[in-house]
Amino acid sequence: MPPPRYPVGADAVIIAPFPDGDRVLLVRRGAPPPGWAIPGGFVEPHEDLPDAAKRELREETGIAIDSLEHIGAYGHPDRDPRGRIIGIVFGARLSAPPAVTAGDDAADARWFPINELPDEIAFDHRDALLDAIEQLCCGCCDP
């Protein structure tokens, strides 16, 4: 019996310091389902998971990054209204905030204070954001 085939997504939570506190980078989705989301997208057949997250981050925000750490895997059957999609989330805490430019399928890209996340967050990305903030900030952030 062949194994089931589910799409796999790779996302990148990026946190950076600002004068008023740490912020996280989110993109406004340009395609349904609507909302703010962690930069990311589907893994190509030839890609390793962290490489896919780096590519999606670069395409959607203009940020090129060398290193990401694994945050978690998200696979609840109802996490995405388009169907069963497995999400692998990576993250990084930068020493300074780079400029961002929305691109690819992102309608906007913006830094949000980690304690003022928007209400309209797509998928289960709020859970992934909170996990990443806890892991990447080691108590130095105030979500």
Protein backbone atom coordinates (compact mmCIF):
# COMPACT_ATOMS: atom_id res chain seq x y z
CA MET A 1 0.00 0.00 0.00
CA PRO A 2 1.51 3.40 -0.96
CA PRO A 3 1.94 5.97 1.81
CA PRO A 4 -0.52 8.88 1.94
CA ARG A 5 0.65 12.09 0.29
CA TYR A 6 0.08 15.38 2.06
CA PRO A 7 1.53 18.74 1.06
CA VAL A 8 4.30 20.00 3.35
CA GLY A 9 4.81 23.66 4.17
CA ALA A 10 7.93 25.29 5.60
CA ASP A 11 7.63 28.58 7.49
CA ALA A 12 10.09 31.00 9.11
CA VAL A 13 9.39 32.97 12.30
CA ILE A 14 11.78 35.92 12.40
CA ILE A 15 12.16 38.04 15.55
CA ALA A 16 14.23 41.22 15.70
CA PRO A 17 14.88 43.96 18.29
CA PHE A 18 13.38 47.43 17.86
CA PRO A 19 13.73 50.45 20.16
CA ASP A 20 10.29 49.72 21.64
CA GLY A 21 10.88 45.95 22.05
CA ASP A 22 11.09 42.78 20.02
CA ARG A 23 8.95 42.37 16.93
CA VAL A 24 8.00 39.44 14.73
CA LEU A 25 7.76 39.52 10.95
CA LEU A 26 4.41 38.61 9.38
CA VAL A 27 3.06 38.73 5.84
CA ARG A 28 -0.48 39.50 4.74
CA ARG A 29 -1.61 36.70 2.47
CA GLY A 30 -2.36 37.75 -1.08
CA ALA A 31 -4.43 34.63 -1.78
CA PRO A 32 -7.14 32.84 0.19
CA PRO A 33 -7.36 32.07 2.99
CA PRO A 34 -6.90 35.67 4.15
CA GLY A 35 -5.01 36.97 7.15
CA TRP A 36 -1.54 37.62 8.49
CA ALA A 37 0.79 34.64 8.45
CA ILE A 38 4.32 33.50 9.12
CA PRO A 39 6.32 33.81 5.88
CA GLY A 40 6.36 30.40 4.24
CA GLY A 41 4.92 28.08 1.68
CA PHE A 42 5.10 24.67 0.10
CA VAL A 43 8.27 22.60 -0.03
CA GLU A 44 9.50 21.84 -3.56
CA PRO A 45 10.27 18.17 -4.36
CA HIS A 46 14.05 18.81 -4.47
CA GLU A 47 14.29 20.93 -1.28
CA ASP A 48 15.34 20.18 2.25
CA LEU A 49 12.91 21.67 4.78
CA PRO A 50 15.11 24.53 6.13
CA ASP A 51 16.06 25.48 2.56
CA ALA A 52 12.38 25.75 1.64
CA ALA A 53 11.72 28.02 4.64
CA LYS A 54 14.69 30.24 3.68
CA ARG A 55 13.51 30.42 0.04
CA GLU A 56 9.95 31.32 1.02
CA LEU A 57 11.22 33.96 3.47
CA ARG A 58 13.37 35.52 0.74
CA GLU A 59 10.57 35.42 -1.86
CA GLU A 60 7.90 36.88 0.43
CA THR A 61 9.93 39.46 2.39
CA GLY A 62 13.25 40.02 0.62
CA ILE A 63 15.18 38.75 3.66
CA ALA A 64 18.02 36.30 3.02
CA ILE A 65 19.09 34.36 6.08
CA ASP A 66 21.78 31.72 6.57
CA SER A 67 20.60 29.82 9.61
CA LEU A 68 17.26 28.77 11.06
CA GLU A 69 16.49 26.57 14.04
CA HIS A 70 13.64 24.08 14.16
CA ILE A 71 10.64 25.30 16.16
CA GLY A 72 8.06 22.59 15.63
CA ALA A 73 5.81 20.56 13.37
CA TYR A 74 2.10 21.32 13.04
CA GLY A 75 -0.24 18.77 11.58
CA HIS A 76 -3.77 19.05 12.93
CA PRO A 77 -6.07 17.85 10.13
CA ASP A 78 -8.08 21.11 10.21
CA ARG A 79 -5.18 23.55 10.48
CA ASP A 80 -5.65 24.73 6.87
CA PRO A 81 -9.05 25.20 5.20
CA ARG A 82 -7.55 24.13 1.84
CA GLY A 83 -6.99 20.57 3.08
CA ARG A 84 -4.55 18.46 5.07
CA ILE A 85 -1.19 20.23 5.08
CA ILE A 86 1.73 19.45 7.37
CA GLY A 87 3.61 22.58 8.51
CA ILE A 88 7.23 22.63 9.68
CA VAL A 89 8.23 25.87 11.39
CA PHE A 90 11.74 27.25 11.76
CA GLY A 91 12.89 30.45 13.37
CA ALA A 92 15.66 32.94 14.04
CA ARG A 93 16.26 35.85 16.37
CA LEU A 94 18.22 38.54 14.54
CA SER A 95 20.52 41.15 16.07
CA ALA A 96 18.99 43.96 13.99
CA PRO A 97 15.83 44.31 11.92
CA PRO A 98 16.41 44.19 8.16
CA ALA A 99 14.15 46.14 5.81
CA VAL A 100 11.35 44.06 4.34
CA THR A 101 9.63 44.18 0.97
CA ALA A 102 6.50 42.15 0.28
CA GLY A 103 6.88 39.89 -2.73
CA ASP A 104 5.66 36.69 -4.40
CA ASP A 105 2.23 35.88 -2.95
CA ALA A 106 2.56 38.24 0.06
CA ALA A 107 0.42 41.38 -0.25
CA ASP A 108 2.27 43.08 2.63
CA ALA A 109 5.13 42.36 5.02
CA ARG A 110 5.38 44.06 8.39
CA TRP A 111 7.05 43.86 11.80
CA PHE A 112 4.59 43.47 14.70
CA PRO A 113 5.36 43.91 18.41
CA ILE A 114 5.30 40.40 19.84
CA ASN A 115 2.78 41.47 22.47
CA GLU A 116 0.48 43.10 19.86
CA LEU A 117 -0.11 40.40 17.27
CA PRO A 118 -2.95 41.09 14.82
CA ASP A 119 -6.32 39.44 15.44
CA GLU A 120 -6.57 37.98 11.95
CA ILE A 121 -3.80 35.35 11.86
CA ALA A 122 -4.18 32.59 9.28
CA PHE A 123 -4.14 28.86 9.93
CA ASP A 124 -2.70 27.82 13.30
CA HIS A 125 0.12 30.33 12.99
CA ARG A 126 -0.71 31.99 16.32
CA ASP A 127 0.23 28.71 18.05
CA ALA A 128 3.45 28.48 16.05
CA LEU A 129 4.28 32.13 16.81
CA LEU A 130 3.84 31.61 20.54
CA ASP A 131 5.99 28.48 20.43
CA ALA A 132 8.70 30.34 18.49
CA ILE A 133 8.63 33.34 20.83
CA GLU A 134 9.05 31.04 23.81
CA GLN A 135 11.91 29.12 22.18
CA LEU A 136 13.79 32.01 20.55
CA CYS A 137 13.46 34.61 23.26
CA CYS A 138 14.39 32.48 26.29
CA GLY A 139 12.44 34.78 28.59
CA CYS A 140 13.83 38.03 27.17
CA CYS A 141 10.67 38.82 25.18
CA ASP A 142 7.30 39.78 26.64
CA PRO A 143 4.49 38.16 24.60
